[in-house]
Amino acid sequence: MSASLIGLILVCGVWAVAASLLIARDLEKRGVHVSYLWLRVMILKYLNQYRRVTLEETGRVGSLFYHYVIPLNMALVLTIILVILMFR
């Protein structure tokens, strides 16, 4: 059970990393300078910029925003479940 939870947590992490790279690429297409070296540190700034830009362009938040936020929340919940199961 714990191995499958760890696997799901890793999948969520990979999903979030892929989404952050796609967000950076999308921002660069829109003329925003993105530093890939500092991407992990600056991702919240880029996420906010992506949200703002897509909201202004289409009136809706872009789907990549949710492809970053949802797997991180899922990983958090799965980690809490894993900790509860381990210390039960």
N, C-alpha and C. Protein backbone atom coordinates (compact mmCIF):
# COMPACT_ATOMS: atom_id res chain seq x y z
N MET A 1 0.82 -1.19 0.00
CA MET A 1 0.00 0.00 0.00
C MET A 1 0.87 1.26 0.00
N SER A 2 1.89 1.27 0.85
CA SER A 2 2.73 2.46 0.93
C SER A 2 3.56 2.65 -0.34
N ALA A 3 3.93 1.56 -0.98
CA ALA A 3 4.70 1.67 -2.23
C ALA A 3 3.85 2.31 -3.32
N SER A 4 2.58 1.96 -3.38
CA SER A 4 1.71 2.55 -4.39
C SER A 4 1.46 4.03 -4.09
N LEU A 5 1.36 4.39 -2.82
CA LEU A 5 1.21 5.80 -2.46
C LEU A 5 2.45 6.60 -2.83
N ILE A 6 3.61 6.03 -2.58
CA ILE A 6 4.86 6.71 -2.94
C ILE A 6 4.94 6.87 -4.46
N GLY A 7 4.54 5.85 -5.18
CA GLY A 7 4.51 5.93 -6.64
C GLY A 7 3.59 7.03 -7.13
N LEU A 8 2.40 7.14 -6.53
CA LEU A 8 1.46 8.20 -6.91
C LEU A 8 2.01 9.59 -6.58
N ILE A 9 2.69 9.71 -5.45
CA ILE A 9 3.31 10.98 -5.07
C ILE A 9 4.37 11.38 -6.09
N LEU A 10 5.17 10.42 -6.53
CA LEU A 10 6.19 10.70 -7.55
C LEU A 10 5.57 11.09 -8.88
N VAL A 11 4.48 10.43 -9.26
CA VAL A 11 3.79 10.78 -10.50
C VAL A 11 3.26 12.21 -10.41
N CYS A 12 2.72 12.58 -9.27
CA CYS A 12 2.23 13.95 -9.08
C CYS A 12 3.38 14.95 -9.20
N GLY A 13 4.53 14.61 -8.66
CA GLY A 13 5.69 15.49 -8.76
C GLY A 13 6.15 15.68 -10.19
N VAL A 14 6.20 14.59 -10.94
CA VAL A 14 6.60 14.67 -12.34
C VAL A 14 5.58 15.48 -13.14
N TRP A 15 4.31 15.28 -12.85
CA TRP A 15 3.23 16.03 -13.51
C TRP A 15 3.40 17.53 -13.25
N ALA A 16 3.68 17.92 -12.02
CA ALA A 16 3.86 19.33 -11.68
C ALA A 16 5.10 19.93 -12.36
N VAL A 17 6.18 19.17 -12.40
CA VAL A 17 7.40 19.66 -13.07
C VAL A 17 7.15 19.86 -14.56
N ALA A 18 6.48 18.91 -15.18
CA ALA A 18 6.16 19.04 -16.60
C ALA A 18 5.27 20.26 -16.85
N ALA A 19 4.29 20.47 -15.98
CA ALA A 19 3.41 21.62 -16.12
C ALA A 19 4.17 22.93 -15.94
N SER A 20 5.13 22.96 -15.01
CA SER A 20 5.91 24.19 -14.81
C SER A 20 6.76 24.50 -16.04
N LEU A 21 7.30 23.48 -16.68
CA LEU A 21 8.07 23.70 -17.90
C LEU A 21 7.18 24.19 -19.03
N LEU A 22 5.98 23.65 -19.14
CA LEU A 22 5.05 24.11 -20.16
C LEU A 22 4.58 25.54 -19.90
N ILE A 23 4.41 25.90 -18.64
CA ILE A 23 4.05 27.27 -18.29
C ILE A 23 5.17 28.22 -18.69
N ALA A 24 6.40 27.84 -18.40
CA ALA A 24 7.54 28.68 -18.77
C ALA A 24 7.62 28.85 -20.27
N ARG A 25 7.42 27.77 -21.02
CA ARG A 25 7.45 27.85 -22.48
C ARG A 25 6.33 28.74 -23.02
N ASP A 26 5.16 28.62 -22.42
CA ASP A 26 4.03 29.43 -22.85
C ASP A 26 4.28 30.92 -22.57
N LEU A 27 4.86 31.22 -21.42
CA LEU A 27 5.18 32.61 -21.11
C LEU A 27 6.23 33.17 -22.06
N GLU A 28 7.21 32.35 -22.42
CA GLU A 28 8.23 32.81 -23.37
C GLU A 28 7.62 33.10 -24.73
N LYS A 29 6.64 32.32 -25.15
CA LYS A 29 5.96 32.58 -26.41
C LYS A 29 5.22 33.92 -26.37
N ARG A 30 4.83 34.33 -25.17
CA ARG A 30 4.12 35.60 -25.01
C ARG A 30 5.08 36.77 -24.74
N GLY A 31 6.37 36.51 -24.80
CA GLY A 31 7.35 37.58 -24.66
C GLY A 31 7.86 37.83 -23.25
N VAL A 32 7.51 36.98 -22.31
CA VAL A 32 7.98 37.12 -20.93
C VAL A 32 9.30 36.36 -20.79
N HIS A 33 10.32 37.03 -20.27
CA HIS A 33 11.61 36.36 -20.06
C HIS A 33 11.50 35.41 -18.88
N VAL A 34 11.89 34.15 -19.10
CA VAL A 34 11.84 33.12 -18.08
C VAL A 34 13.24 32.56 -17.88
N SER A 35 13.67 32.49 -16.64
CA SER A 35 14.96 31.91 -16.32
C SER A 35 14.76 30.45 -15.91
N TYR A 36 15.20 29.54 -16.78
CA TYR A 36 15.05 28.11 -16.46
C TYR A 36 15.96 27.70 -15.31
N LEU A 37 17.04 28.43 -15.12
CA LEU A 37 17.95 28.14 -14.02
C LEU A 37 17.26 28.34 -12.67
N TRP A 38 16.44 29.36 -12.58
CA TRP A 38 15.74 29.71 -11.34
C TRP A 38 14.27 29.30 -11.37
N LEU A 39 13.89 28.42 -12.26
CA LEU A 39 12.48 28.08 -12.43
C LEU A 39 11.85 27.54 -11.16
N ARG A 40 12.53 26.66 -10.46
CA ARG A 40 11.94 26.08 -9.24
C ARG A 40 11.74 27.12 -8.15
N VAL A 41 12.59 28.13 -8.12
CA VAL A 41 12.47 29.18 -7.11
C VAL A 41 11.41 30.20 -7.50
N MET A 42 11.34 30.51 -8.80
CA MET A 42 10.48 31.57 -9.29
C MET A 42 9.14 31.07 -9.83
N ILE A 43 8.81 29.80 -9.67
CA ILE A 43 7.62 29.25 -10.29
C ILE A 43 6.35 29.95 -9.83
N LEU A 44 6.29 30.36 -8.59
CA LEU A 44 5.07 31.04 -8.12
C LEU A 44 4.88 32.37 -8.83
N LYS A 45 5.97 33.07 -9.10
CA LYS A 45 5.89 34.32 -9.86
C LYS A 45 5.39 34.03 -11.28
N TYR A 46 5.98 33.01 -11.91
CA TYR A 46 5.59 32.66 -13.27
C TYR A 46 4.16 32.14 -13.31
N LEU A 47 3.77 31.40 -12.30
CA LEU A 47 2.40 30.88 -12.23
C LEU A 47 1.41 32.03 -12.16
N ASN A 48 1.73 33.03 -11.34
CA ASN A 48 0.86 34.20 -11.23
C ASN A 48 0.82 34.97 -12.54
N GLN A 49 1.96 35.12 -13.21
CA GLN A 49 2.00 35.81 -14.50
C GLN A 49 1.18 35.05 -15.53
N TYR A 50 1.31 33.75 -15.56
CA TYR A 50 0.55 32.93 -16.50
C TYR A 50 -0.94 33.08 -16.24
N ARG A 51 -1.33 33.04 -14.98
CA ARG A 51 -2.74 33.18 -14.62
C ARG A 51 -3.26 34.53 -15.08
N ARG A 52 -2.50 35.58 -14.81
CA ARG A 52 -2.93 36.93 -15.17
C ARG A 52 -3.03 37.10 -16.68
N VAL A 53 -2.02 36.64 -17.41
CA VAL A 53 -1.99 36.80 -18.87
C VAL A 53 -3.15 36.04 -19.52
N THR A 54 -3.36 34.80 -19.12
CA THR A 54 -4.43 34.02 -19.75
C THR A 54 -5.80 34.57 -19.37
N LEU A 55 -5.92 35.07 -18.16
CA LEU A 55 -7.19 35.66 -17.74
C LEU A 55 -7.50 36.91 -18.55
N GLU A 56 -6.47 37.73 -18.82
CA GLU A 56 -6.67 38.94 -19.62
C GLU A 56 -6.99 38.59 -21.08
N GLU A 57 -6.35 37.56 -21.61
CA GLU A 57 -6.55 37.21 -23.02
C GLU A 57 -7.89 36.54 -23.29
N THR A 58 -8.26 35.60 -22.45
CA THR A 58 -9.45 34.79 -22.74
C THR A 58 -10.59 34.97 -21.75
N GLY A 59 -10.33 35.63 -20.65
CA GLY A 59 -11.36 35.75 -19.63
C GLY A 59 -11.42 34.55 -18.70
N ARG A 60 -10.54 33.57 -18.93
CA ARG A 60 -10.47 32.37 -18.09
C ARG A 60 -9.01 32.07 -17.79
N VAL A 61 -8.80 31.40 -16.70
CA VAL A 61 -7.44 31.00 -16.33
C VAL A 61 -7.05 29.82 -17.22
N GLY A 62 -5.80 29.85 -17.72
CA GLY A 62 -5.31 28.78 -18.59
C GLY A 62 -5.25 27.44 -17.89
N SER A 63 -5.39 26.38 -18.66
CA SER A 63 -5.46 25.04 -18.08
C SER A 63 -4.15 24.60 -17.42
N LEU A 64 -3.02 25.13 -17.89
CA LEU A 64 -1.74 24.75 -17.29
C LEU A 64 -1.65 25.17 -15.82
N PHE A 65 -2.36 26.22 -15.46
CA PHE A 65 -2.40 26.65 -14.07
C PHE A 65 -2.90 25.51 -13.19
N TYR A 66 -3.99 24.88 -13.63
CA TYR A 66 -4.57 23.79 -12.86
C TYR A 66 -3.72 22.52 -12.96
N HIS A 67 -3.01 22.37 -14.08
CA HIS A 67 -2.12 21.22 -14.22
C HIS A 67 -0.90 21.34 -13.32
N TYR A 68 -0.67 22.50 -12.75
CA TYR A 68 0.40 22.66 -11.77
C TYR A 68 -0.15 22.55 -10.34
N VAL A 69 -1.27 23.19 -10.09
CA VAL A 69 -1.81 23.27 -8.73
C VAL A 69 -2.42 21.94 -8.27
N ILE A 70 -3.16 21.30 -9.13
CA ILE A 70 -3.86 20.07 -8.72
C ILE A 70 -2.91 18.95 -8.32
N PRO A 71 -1.86 18.64 -9.11
CA PRO A 71 -0.99 17.53 -8.67
C PRO A 71 -0.22 17.85 -7.38
N LEU A 72 0.09 19.12 -7.15
CA LEU A 72 0.75 19.45 -5.89
C LEU A 72 -0.18 19.23 -4.70
N ASN A 73 -1.44 19.59 -4.85
CA ASN A 73 -2.41 19.34 -3.79
C ASN A 73 -2.65 17.85 -3.60
N MET A 74 -2.69 17.12 -4.71
CA MET A 74 -2.85 15.67 -4.61
C MET A 74 -1.66 15.05 -3.89
N ALA A 75 -0.45 15.50 -4.21
CA ALA A 75 0.74 14.98 -3.56
C ALA A 75 0.72 15.28 -2.07
N LEU A 76 0.26 16.45 -1.70
CA LEU A 76 0.16 16.81 -0.28
C LEU A 76 -0.81 15.88 0.44
N VAL A 77 -1.98 15.67 -0.12
CA VAL A 77 -2.97 14.79 0.50
C VAL A 77 -2.44 13.36 0.59
N LEU A 78 -1.83 12.88 -0.48
CA LEU A 78 -1.27 11.52 -0.46
C LEU A 78 -0.15 11.37 0.55
N THR A 79 0.65 12.41 0.72
CA THR A 79 1.72 12.37 1.72
C THR A 79 1.14 12.31 3.13
N ILE A 80 0.11 13.07 3.37
CA ILE A 80 -0.55 13.04 4.69
C ILE A 80 -1.13 11.65 4.95
N ILE A 81 -1.77 11.07 3.94
CA ILE A 81 -2.31 9.72 4.08
C ILE A 81 -1.20 8.71 4.36
N LEU A 82 -0.09 8.85 3.64
CA LEU A 82 1.06 7.96 3.84
C LEU A 82 1.60 8.05 5.27
N VAL A 83 1.75 9.26 5.78
CA VAL A 83 2.24 9.45 7.14
C VAL A 83 1.28 8.85 8.15
N ILE A 84 -0.01 9.05 7.93
CA ILE A 84 -1.00 8.48 8.85
C ILE A 84 -0.92 6.96 8.84
N LEU A 85 -0.80 6.38 7.66
CA LEU A 85 -0.72 4.91 7.57
C LEU A 85 0.56 4.35 8.17
N MET A 86 1.65 5.11 8.04
CA MET A 86 2.93 4.62 8.58
C MET A 86 2.96 4.65 10.10
N PHE A 87 2.31 5.61 10.72
CA PHE A 87 2.34 5.75 12.17
C PHE A 87 1.07 5.25 12.84
N ARG A 88 0.35 4.44 12.15
CA ARG A 88 -0.88 3.89 12.67
C ARG A 88 -0.66 2.65 13.46
